Structures are given as C-alpha cells and as structure tokens.
Protein backbone atom coordinates (compact mmCIF):
# COMPACT_ATOMS: atom_id res chain seq x y z
CA MET A 1 -16.17 16.30 -4.36
CA ALA A 2 -16.34 13.47 -6.92
CA GLU A 3 -16.15 10.00 -5.39
CA VAL A 4 -14.68 8.44 -8.52
CA ILE A 5 -11.01 7.45 -8.19
CA ASP A 6 -9.15 8.91 -11.10
CA LYS A 7 -6.51 6.28 -12.11
CA LYS A 8 -4.57 8.77 -14.18
CA LYS A 9 -4.09 10.99 -11.16
CA ILE A 10 -3.11 7.99 -9.10
CA ARG A 11 -0.37 7.19 -11.66
CA LYS A 12 0.72 10.86 -11.55
CA VAL A 13 1.18 10.71 -7.73
CA PHE A 14 3.54 7.65 -7.94
CA ARG A 15 5.37 8.45 -11.18
CA ASP A 16 7.94 10.48 -9.32
CA VAL A 17 9.85 7.51 -8.16
CA GLN A 18 12.52 9.50 -6.29
CA LYS A 19 9.88 11.32 -4.37
CA HIS A 20 8.14 8.07 -3.53
CA LEU A 21 11.45 6.70 -2.19
CA ALA A 22 12.01 9.82 -0.13
CA ILE A 23 8.54 9.55 1.42
CA ALA A 24 9.21 5.88 2.30
CA GLN A 25 12.32 6.89 4.09
CA LEU A 26 10.43 9.76 5.82
CA ILE A 27 7.86 7.28 7.10
CA ARG A 28 10.61 5.03 8.55
CA ARG A 29 12.32 8.00 10.16
CA PHE A 30 9.27 9.24 12.02
CA SER A 31 7.68 5.91 12.86
CA THR A 32 7.38 4.88 16.50
CA ASN A 33 7.52 1.23 15.34
CA LYS A 34 10.99 0.74 13.92
CA GLU A 35 10.39 -2.85 12.68
CA ASP A 36 10.22 -3.49 8.93
CA ILE A 37 6.65 -4.66 8.33
CA ARG A 38 7.64 -6.71 5.36
CA LYS A 39 10.23 -8.61 7.34
CA THR A 40 7.66 -9.07 10.11
CA ALA A 41 5.35 -10.67 7.58
CA LEU A 42 8.08 -12.96 6.10
CA LYS A 43 9.20 -14.23 9.50
CA GLN A 44 5.90 -16.14 9.80
CA VAL A 45 6.44 -18.44 6.81
CA ASP A 46 8.96 -20.81 5.28
CA LEU A 47 9.59 -19.76 1.64
CA SER A 48 12.70 -21.83 1.02
CA ASN A 49 10.99 -23.90 -1.76
CA CYS A 50 9.42 -20.95 -3.51
CA GLN A 51 10.80 -20.52 -7.05
CA ASN A 52 8.12 -18.61 -9.00
CA VAL A 53 7.25 -15.33 -7.26
CA LEU A 54 5.05 -12.45 -8.26
CA GLU A 55 4.87 -9.00 -6.70
CA LEU A 56 1.79 -7.03 -7.52
CA GLY A 57 1.90 -3.24 -7.44
CA CYS A 58 5.63 -3.73 -6.96
CA ALA A 59 6.73 -0.12 -7.23
CA PHE A 60 10.47 -0.05 -6.44
CA GLY A 61 10.53 -3.58 -5.05
CA ALA A 62 10.70 -3.01 -1.29
CA PHE A 63 8.82 -6.26 -0.58
CA THR A 64 10.92 -8.23 -3.07
CA GLU A 65 14.12 -6.92 -1.48
CA ALA A 66 12.90 -8.15 1.90
CA LEU A 67 12.87 -11.73 0.40
CA LYS A 68 16.71 -11.86 0.38
CA GLU A 69 17.92 -15.38 1.42
CA ARG A 70 14.30 -16.54 2.00
CA LEU A 71 13.50 -18.15 -1.35
CA HIS A 72 14.83 -21.05 -3.35
CA PRO A 73 18.32 -20.01 -4.76
CA ASP A 74 16.98 -20.35 -8.33
CA ALA A 75 13.91 -18.23 -7.71
CA THR A 76 12.58 -15.74 -10.28
CA VAL A 77 10.58 -12.72 -9.16
CA THR A 78 8.23 -10.98 -11.54
CA GLY A 79 7.09 -7.40 -10.69
CA ILE A 80 3.96 -5.83 -12.10
CA ASP A 81 3.10 -2.18 -11.87
CA VAL A 82 1.30 0.38 -14.09
CA ILE A 83 4.26 2.78 -13.92
CA PRO A 84 7.12 1.92 -16.23
CA GLU A 85 9.52 4.26 -14.42
CA TYR A 86 9.76 1.69 -11.63
CA LYS A 87 11.44 -0.90 -13.80
CA PRO A 88 15.14 -0.20 -13.13
CA PHE A 89 14.51 0.28 -9.39
CA PHE A 90 12.58 -3.03 -9.17
CA LEU A 91 15.25 -4.94 -11.09
CA ASN A 92 17.93 -3.45 -8.86
CA ALA A 93 15.90 -4.66 -5.85
CA CYS A 94 15.90 -8.11 -7.31
CA ARG A 95 19.66 -8.02 -7.76
CA ARG A 96 20.16 -6.87 -4.17
CA ALA A 97 17.90 -9.70 -3.04
CA GLY A 98 19.94 -12.16 -5.06
CA TYR A 99 17.22 -13.29 -7.52
CA PHE A 100 16.57 -13.04 -11.19
CA GLY A 101 13.88 -10.45 -11.84
CA THR A 102 11.50 -9.43 -14.63
CA PHE A 103 9.18 -6.44 -14.75
CA SER A 104 5.98 -5.54 -16.56
CA SER A 105 4.11 -2.23 -16.65
CA SER A 106 1.04 -3.68 -18.41
CA GLY A 107 -1.02 -3.64 -15.25
CA ILE A 108 -2.59 -6.16 -12.94
CA GLU A 109 -5.16 -7.34 -15.40
CA GLN A 110 -2.45 -9.19 -17.37
CA THR A 111 -2.60 -11.92 -14.68
CA GLY A 112 -5.81 -13.08 -16.41
CA ASN A 113 -3.56 -14.50 -19.10
CA TYR A 114 -1.37 -16.42 -16.67
CA SER A 115 -1.80 -20.20 -16.35
CA SER A 116 -3.59 -21.57 -13.25
CA SER A 117 -1.37 -22.86 -10.40
CA SER A 118 1.76 -21.23 -11.82
CA TYR A 119 3.11 -19.32 -8.76
CA ASP A 120 4.49 -20.45 -5.42
CA LEU A 121 4.23 -17.02 -3.86
CA VAL A 122 2.33 -13.81 -4.58
CA ILE A 123 3.13 -10.66 -2.53
CA CYS A 124 1.55 -7.25 -2.48
CA SER A 125 2.13 -4.36 -0.07
CA TYR A 126 0.01 -1.21 0.09
CA ALA A 127 -1.57 -1.70 -3.28
CA LEU A 128 -4.38 -4.25 -3.13
CA TYR A 129 -6.94 -1.54 -2.33
CA PHE A 130 -6.43 -0.35 -5.92
CA PHE A 131 -7.51 -3.75 -7.35
CA PRO A 132 -9.41 -5.94 -4.82
CA HIS A 133 -11.45 -7.37 -7.72
CA MET A 134 -8.32 -9.38 -8.64
CA ILE A 135 -8.34 -11.55 -5.49
CA PRO A 136 -10.02 -14.46 -7.32
CA GLU A 137 -7.27 -14.29 -9.99
CA ILE A 138 -4.53 -14.27 -7.35
CA ALA A 139 -6.01 -17.53 -5.91
CA ARG A 140 -6.28 -19.07 -9.33
CA ILE A 141 -2.65 -18.53 -10.31
CA LEU A 142 -1.27 -19.87 -6.99
CA ARG A 143 -0.28 -23.46 -6.64
CA LYS A 144 -2.13 -25.67 -4.21
CA ASN A 145 0.41 -25.08 -1.45
CA GLY A 146 1.19 -21.52 -2.56
CA LEU A 147 0.94 -18.42 -0.41
CA PHE A 148 -0.44 -14.97 -0.84
CA ILE A 149 0.99 -12.32 1.54
CA THR A 150 -0.48 -8.84 1.47
CA ILE A 151 -0.09 -5.77 3.63
CA THR A 152 -2.65 -2.98 3.93
CA HIS A 153 -3.59 0.10 5.90
CA SER A 154 -6.27 0.35 8.62
CA ARG A 155 -9.30 2.50 7.96
CA GLU A 156 -7.92 4.65 10.73
CA ASP A 157 -4.74 5.36 8.79
CA MET A 158 -3.94 9.12 8.80
CA ARG A 159 -7.22 9.80 10.66
CA GLU A 160 -5.73 12.96 12.17
CA ILE A 161 -4.92 14.59 8.87
CA VAL A 162 -8.17 13.25 7.36
CA GLY A 163 -10.05 15.02 10.16
CA ILE A 164 -8.23 18.27 9.63
CA VAL A 165 -8.63 18.23 5.78
CA LYS A 166 -12.34 17.41 6.11
CA LYS A 167 -12.80 20.29 8.54
CA ILE A 168 -11.01 22.72 6.21
CA LEU A 169 -12.96 21.53 3.15
CA LYS A 170 -16.28 21.87 4.89
CA GLN A 171 -15.41 25.33 6.08
CA ASN A 172 -14.73 26.25 2.47
CA ASN A 173 -17.92 24.51 1.25
CA PHE A 174 -16.03 21.89 -0.78
CA LEU A 175 -17.26 18.91 1.15
CA ASP A 176 -20.68 17.72 2.24
CA HIS A 177 -21.27 16.60 5.85
CA ASN A 178 -21.18 12.81 5.27
CA GLN A 179 -18.94 12.82 2.21
CA GLN A 180 -15.73 10.77 2.12
CA LEU A 181 -12.38 11.89 0.94
CA PRO A 182 -10.79 9.90 -1.93
CA ILE A 183 -8.21 8.46 0.51
CA GLU A 184 -11.02 7.03 2.59
CA ILE A 185 -12.72 5.52 -0.43
CA ILE A 186 -9.46 3.92 -1.57
CA PHE A 187 -8.54 2.39 1.79
CA ASP A 188 -12.09 1.11 2.30
CA GLN A 189 -11.76 -1.01 -0.83
CA PHE A 190 -9.28 -3.34 0.98
CA SER A 191 -8.56 -2.28 4.57
CA ALA A 192 -7.32 -4.04 7.64
CA GLU A 193 -10.88 -4.28 8.91
CA LYS A 194 -12.40 -5.49 5.59
CA GLY A 195 -9.56 -7.63 4.22
CA LYS A 196 -10.33 -10.97 5.83
CA THR A 197 -13.94 -10.85 4.62
CA LEU A 198 -12.76 -10.27 1.06
CA LEU A 199 -10.02 -12.96 1.22
CA GLN A 200 -11.85 -15.80 2.95
CA PRO A 201 -13.99 -16.87 -0.09
CA PHE A 202 -10.77 -17.61 -2.01
CA PHE A 203 -8.47 -18.98 0.65
CA SER A 204 -9.24 -21.69 3.17
CA LYS A 205 -6.75 -20.19 5.71
CA VAL A 206 -6.28 -16.44 6.30
CA GLN A 207 -3.97 -15.39 9.12
CA SER A 208 -3.85 -11.75 10.13
CA ILE A 209 -1.18 -9.89 12.07
CA ASP A 210 -1.63 -6.32 13.33
CA PHE A 211 1.20 -3.88 13.02
CA LYS A 212 0.64 -0.82 15.22
CA ASN A 213 2.49 2.31 14.32
CA THR A 214 2.29 6.09 14.72
CA LEU A 215 4.19 8.87 12.95
CA VAL A 216 5.29 11.62 15.42
CA PHE A 217 6.52 14.99 14.32
CA GLN A 218 7.98 17.63 16.72
CA PRO A 219 7.07 21.29 16.15
CA HIS A 220 10.36 21.98 14.36
CA GLU A 221 9.64 19.04 12.01
CA MET A 222 6.42 20.40 10.46
CA ASP A 223 8.14 20.76 7.06
CA HIS A 224 8.60 16.99 6.88
CA PHE A 225 4.95 16.45 7.67
CA LEU A 226 4.01 18.86 4.89
CA ASP A 227 6.29 17.00 2.52
CA TYR A 228 4.31 13.87 3.38
CA PHE A 229 0.97 15.72 2.81
CA GLN A 230 2.20 17.20 -0.43
CA PHE A 231 3.00 13.71 -1.80
CA LYS A 232 -0.45 12.39 -0.74
CA LYS A 233 -2.53 15.48 -1.34
CA SER A 234 -4.16 14.19 -4.58
CA PHE A 235 -5.74 11.40 -2.45
CA PHE A 236 -7.17 14.01 -0.17
CA LEU A 237 -8.21 16.74 -2.66
CA MET A 238 -8.86 14.72 -5.83
CA GLY A 239 -12.01 15.93 -7.65
CA THR A 240 -12.10 19.39 -6.01
CA GLU A 241 -11.61 22.76 -7.49
CA VAL A 242 -10.04 23.97 -4.25
CA HIS A 243 -6.77 25.81 -4.46
CA ASN A 244 -4.04 23.48 -3.02
CA LYS A 245 -1.92 26.33 -1.69
CA ASN A 246 -4.84 27.75 0.29
CA ILE A 247 -5.65 24.30 1.76
CA ALA A 248 -1.98 23.70 2.53
CA ARG A 249 -1.72 27.03 4.36
CA GLN A 250 -4.84 26.29 6.39
CA LEU A 251 -3.57 22.83 7.11
CA LEU A 252 -0.24 24.13 8.35
CA ASN A 253 -2.01 26.61 10.61
CA GLU A 254 -4.06 23.78 12.10
CA LEU A 255 -0.92 21.64 12.59
CA GLN A 256 1.04 24.46 14.12
CA ASP A 257 -1.88 25.05 16.61
CA THR A 258 -1.85 21.39 17.43
CA ALA A 259 1.88 21.30 17.84
CA MET A 260 1.78 24.29 20.19
CA LYS A 261 -0.87 22.69 22.36
CA LYS A 262 0.61 19.18 22.46
CA ASN A 263 4.21 19.95 21.64
CA PHE A 264 4.06 17.36 18.84
CA VAL A 265 1.75 16.16 15.98
CA SER A 266 1.04 12.47 15.67
CA MET A 267 -0.62 10.47 12.92
CA CYS A 268 -1.97 6.88 12.98
CA LYS A 269 -0.18 4.45 10.63
CA ASP A 270 -1.66 1.16 11.81
CA ASP A 271 -1.38 -1.65 9.25
CA ARG A 272 -2.33 -5.35 8.98
CA ILE A 273 -0.54 -8.29 7.38
CA PHE A 274 -2.61 -11.05 5.80
CA ILE A 275 -1.07 -14.49 5.10
CA CYS A 276 -3.31 -16.53 2.91
CA SER A 277 -2.93 -20.26 2.07
CA ASN A 278 -4.89 -23.13 0.53
CA PRO A 279 -6.23 -21.18 -2.39
CA THR A 280 -9.70 -22.16 -3.48
CA LYS A 281 -9.91 -22.97 -7.26
CA PRO A 282 -13.14 -22.63 -9.22
CA GLU A 283 -13.18 -26.38 -9.78
CA ASP A 284 -13.06 -26.93 -6.02
CA THR A 285 -16.46 -25.34 -5.63
CA GLN A 286 -18.18 -27.37 -8.40
C-alpha cells in the first residue's frame, strides 16, 4: 500500500457535501458524549472583541456556527477550503451565526499572502492534520492577543476498525506487517498526542482539553456503521488494488461476529482541543 496521501482522493471524499453532513449527524447520534466539542472549546475563552475571524478547512462551517453570540457584533468570518461546493453551506452557517461571511476555495496556502497580525481568531476543526506545515503562518497572521483554537483526533481514533481492516488486508496480502493505513498516516501528522509539540514553538501558551467519546452501534445498527465506513473507506484503502466490495463484506462479517459476542460494536472517537495564545512572530526570535 502506498504511503503517499493522494490529495485528489481526499477532495473526492469530501466533495459530497450532503453525505458529509449525514455522517456528521450519524456521529452525533451514536456518540456516548453528547456535548458539542466546538462549544466545549469556545466556553473556555472570551471572544467578544474578536472581529476578524478565519476558519481553516471550514467545510460547511460547523465551527463558525458555534460562534453565534460569542464574537463582536460586527465580526466578519472568512472560510477557507479546497472544495468549492462548501461555499453556500458555509455562508448559510455564517448567516445562522449572525455574522458576515466570505468563502475561498483557493486552499490554505493563500494565507501566505495575508498581512501579519491581521486576525483576532483562527479556528480549525478536524483538518489541521492535512496541513500542519502551516502552523507558523497561522501564528504570523494572528494579532498579538489573538487566539488559535484547533480540534483534532487522537491516534487511537477508530482503532477498532483500523485493527479489523489491517487484519483483513494482511490476510489478503495487501498490507505488510508494520505498514500503516493512510488514516493512521494522516492523523499522525497532527494528533492529540503530537499537537502540543508542534504548536509550542509558535505559541507561548498552549492549553489542551481532552474530549473522550465512543461511538456505540447495536447489532441492528450495523448498516449505520457501514455507512460511516463507506464514507471513510478511501482513508483506509487508499493506494491498494483491493476490491472494496470484498473488503466491505469481510469487514461486515467481522463486525457481525463482534456484535454477536458483545451485543454491540464500539469505536473510539477521542479528540483533543488546543487553545493557543501569545503567537510567536519571526521578529520575536531575532
């Protein structure tokens, strides 16, 4: 299996906006932790003076919508994503939140053209592992008293399904013994465990908050679990020539066996919130 993350295939996964929304609702439905992680993050800070806000990897604007009544009344929120189909969804999220919104699908690298110290707040949920190399730029475009709030997965995220898929791929000779799945490579780029080490060189203060969660599916709910897997399958099988239907069938058999033994199937969805302040500018280190 190739260990190169194919960005075109990543875009293909998320281009179906309606499916992405459905999966987000599925996660909320089957989560043991019913709190909204974005609201949990925002409870920790006072954002009432924030006027210039940037959401990176914004998708349909779930994090922006959680900002309702938390920002300055005249705040403007800019969303950046590589998928243009998210634009109307993001702008609707801005309207529901009560703020003026703009959207760009030019990609995260465009922030290199932004002026230093131009944003009061930068937010990013479940996307920074696609572009951790941009952390210095995020610090650069933040004002001295600005905040960067990001949410990411644990390395243990989906460990149960990762284990099953690896077992099946090895049985079919599609995976070497110590080889990682694409999903593991992606999450390892900016995980709950690795995040603070990556952030600390660019922020004087990094606060972390754990958000423990598990998805639990009863035996009669296996179809919902398979819907989740179907949406994510490219991150498990990317770079293989394996026939997806064959893998899906074997996966379902494994899940049904587990469900019969335990009377349920559970999957780890532990996350971590990072709240970063006091950005370090290049001139501060000279």
